[in-house]
Protein backbone atom coordinates (compact mmCIF):
# COMPACT_ATOMS: atom_id res chain seq x y z
CA UNK A 1 11.35 5.68 1.87
CA UNK A 2 8.27 6.00 3.35
CA UNK A 3 5.44 3.95 2.03
CA UNK A 4 1.86 4.35 3.28
CA UNK A 5 -0.71 1.39 3.73
CA UNK A 6 -4.05 0.25 4.18
CA UNK A 7 -4.54 -2.67 6.65
CA UNK A 8 -8.00 -2.95 8.34
CA UNK A 9 -8.62 -5.39 11.02
CA UNK A 10 -11.70 -7.40 10.92
CA UNK A 11 -12.99 -10.73 8.84
CA UNK A 12 -15.01 -10.37 5.71
CA UNK A 13 -18.17 -12.38 5.04
CA UNK A 14 -17.12 -16.04 4.40
CA UNK A 15 -14.54 -15.65 7.52
CA UNK A 16 -11.97 -14.41 5.50
CA UNK A 17 -9.33 -12.10 7.62
CA UNK A 18 -9.22 -8.57 6.12
CA UNK A 19 -4.91 -8.82 6.79
CA UNK A 20 -4.66 -11.59 4.32
CA UNK A 21 -7.02 -9.79 1.52
CA UNK A 22 -4.95 -6.87 1.85
CA UNK A 23 -1.82 -8.50 2.14
CA UNK A 24 -0.75 -7.18 5.59
CA UNK A 25 1.22 -10.60 5.95
CA UNK A 26 3.53 -9.07 2.86
CA UNK A 27 3.59 -5.80 4.70
CA UNK A 28 4.66 -7.12 7.94
CA UNK A 29 7.32 -9.14 6.35
CA UNK A 30 8.50 -5.92 4.94
CA UNK A 31 8.39 -3.88 7.88
CA UNK A 32 10.93 -6.63 9.72
CA UNK A 33 13.33 -6.74 6.76
CA UNK A 34 13.67 -3.53 5.66
CA UNK A 35 13.91 -1.28 8.89
CA UNK A 36 15.33 1.81 7.17
CA UNK A 37 11.86 2.21 4.97
CA UNK A 38 8.87 4.17 7.22
CA UNK A 39 5.70 2.21 7.04
CA UNK A 40 2.67 4.28 7.76
CA UNK A 41 -0.72 2.69 8.15
CA UNK A 42 -3.44 4.91 6.79
CA UNK A 43 -5.26 6.04 9.77
CA UNK A 44 -6.34 9.91 9.75
CA UNK A 45 -9.30 11.25 11.86
CA UNK A 46 -9.46 13.92 9.35
CA UNK A 47 -8.58 15.23 5.83
CA UNK A 48 -5.75 17.37 6.49
CA UNK A 49 -4.03 14.69 8.24
CA UNK A 50 -4.75 12.38 5.47
CA UNK A 51 -3.38 14.87 2.97
CA UNK A 52 -0.59 15.38 4.82
CA UNK A 53 -0.04 11.41 4.91
CA UNK A 54 -0.06 11.54 1.01
CA UNK A 55 2.00 14.52 1.01
CA UNK A 56 5.05 13.08 2.89
CA UNK A 57 5.07 9.81 1.39
CA UNK A 58 7.01 8.24 -1.22
CA UNK A 59 4.18 5.50 -2.29
CA UNK A 60 0.83 3.81 -1.38
CA UNK A 61 1.62 0.08 -1.21
CA UNK A 62 -1.88 -2.41 -1.95
CA UNK A 63 -0.69 -5.99 -2.42
CA UNK A 64 -4.25 -6.97 -2.04
CA UNK A 65 -5.36 -10.38 -3.14
CA UNK A 66 -9.16 -9.55 -3.63
CA UNK A 67 -9.45 -5.77 -3.76
CA UNK A 68 -9.93 -3.64 -6.38
CA UNK A 69 -10.11 -0.43 -7.01
CA UNK A 70 -10.50 2.11 -3.73
CA UNK A 71 -11.25 5.58 -2.77
CA UNK A 72 -7.71 5.53 -1.52
CA UNK A 73 -5.94 4.64 -4.55
CA UNK A 74 -7.80 7.40 -6.15
CA UNK A 75 -6.64 9.88 -3.81
CA UNK A 76 -3.08 8.77 -3.81
CA UNK A 77 -2.96 8.90 -7.56
CA UNK A 78 -4.70 12.51 -7.63
CA UNK A 79 -1.87 13.92 -5.43
CA UNK A 80 0.72 12.21 -7.86
CA UNK A 81 1.92 9.41 -5.49
CA UNK A 82 3.41 6.54 -6.84
CA UNK A 83 0.78 3.65 -6.20
CA UNK A 84 1.82 -0.16 -6.24
CA UNK A 85 -1.35 -2.13 -6.71
CA UNK A 86 -2.54 -5.56 -7.62
CA UNK A 87 -5.45 -4.62 -9.78
CA UNK A 88 -4.44 -3.09 -13.21
CA UNK A 89 -5.63 0.74 -12.96
CA UNK A 90 -3.80 3.44 -15.40
CA UNK A 91 -1.52 5.18 -13.55
CA UNK A 92 -0.83 2.40 -10.66
CA UNK A 93 2.41 0.15 -10.64
CA UNK A 94 0.96 -3.14 -11.44
CA UNK A 95 2.49 -5.99 -8.60
CA UNK A 96 1.57 -9.27 -7.75
CA UNK A 97 0.49 -10.29 -4.32
CA UNK A 98 3.59 -12.19 -3.93
CA UNK A 99 6.38 -11.13 -1.43
CA UNK A 100 9.48 -11.27 -4.03
CA UNK A 101 7.35 -9.23 -6.91
CA UNK A 102 6.20 -6.86 -4.40
CA UNK A 103 10.08 -6.19 -2.76
CA UNK A 104 11.67 -6.01 -6.26
CA UNK A 105 9.39 -3.10 -7.56
CA UNK A 106 9.64 -1.07 -3.93
CA UNK A 107 13.41 -1.45 -4.35
CA UNK A 108 12.79 -0.43 -8.27
CA UNK A 109 10.85 2.48 -6.97
CA UNK A 110 13.37 3.28 -4.01
CA UNK A 111 16.26 3.41 -6.59
CA UNK A 112 14.10 5.82 -8.98
CA UNK A 113 13.33 8.58 -5.83
């Protein structure tokens, strides 16, 4: 399964690391635990490359703890990509920013692919 994710590496106001806000700790654990899954960080220097990422991925994972609706979520939904997100947006698979819940929902999604 190819899992697209967003993980900026900077610090927000108040000194909170973006990696924690965006759930990178959860993603890093999953990368180690599931070596058969292909985790693809959303980094593209052109719209064409970004479109290709959406087209070749099986889902977008956003286990964020503080981030709501994002442009990346909107784009993924436009490309009919399943989105696992902690923010209740119509069309997303709602998850908690907790490892067990994210893991269970990914396994469930993989079984349905």
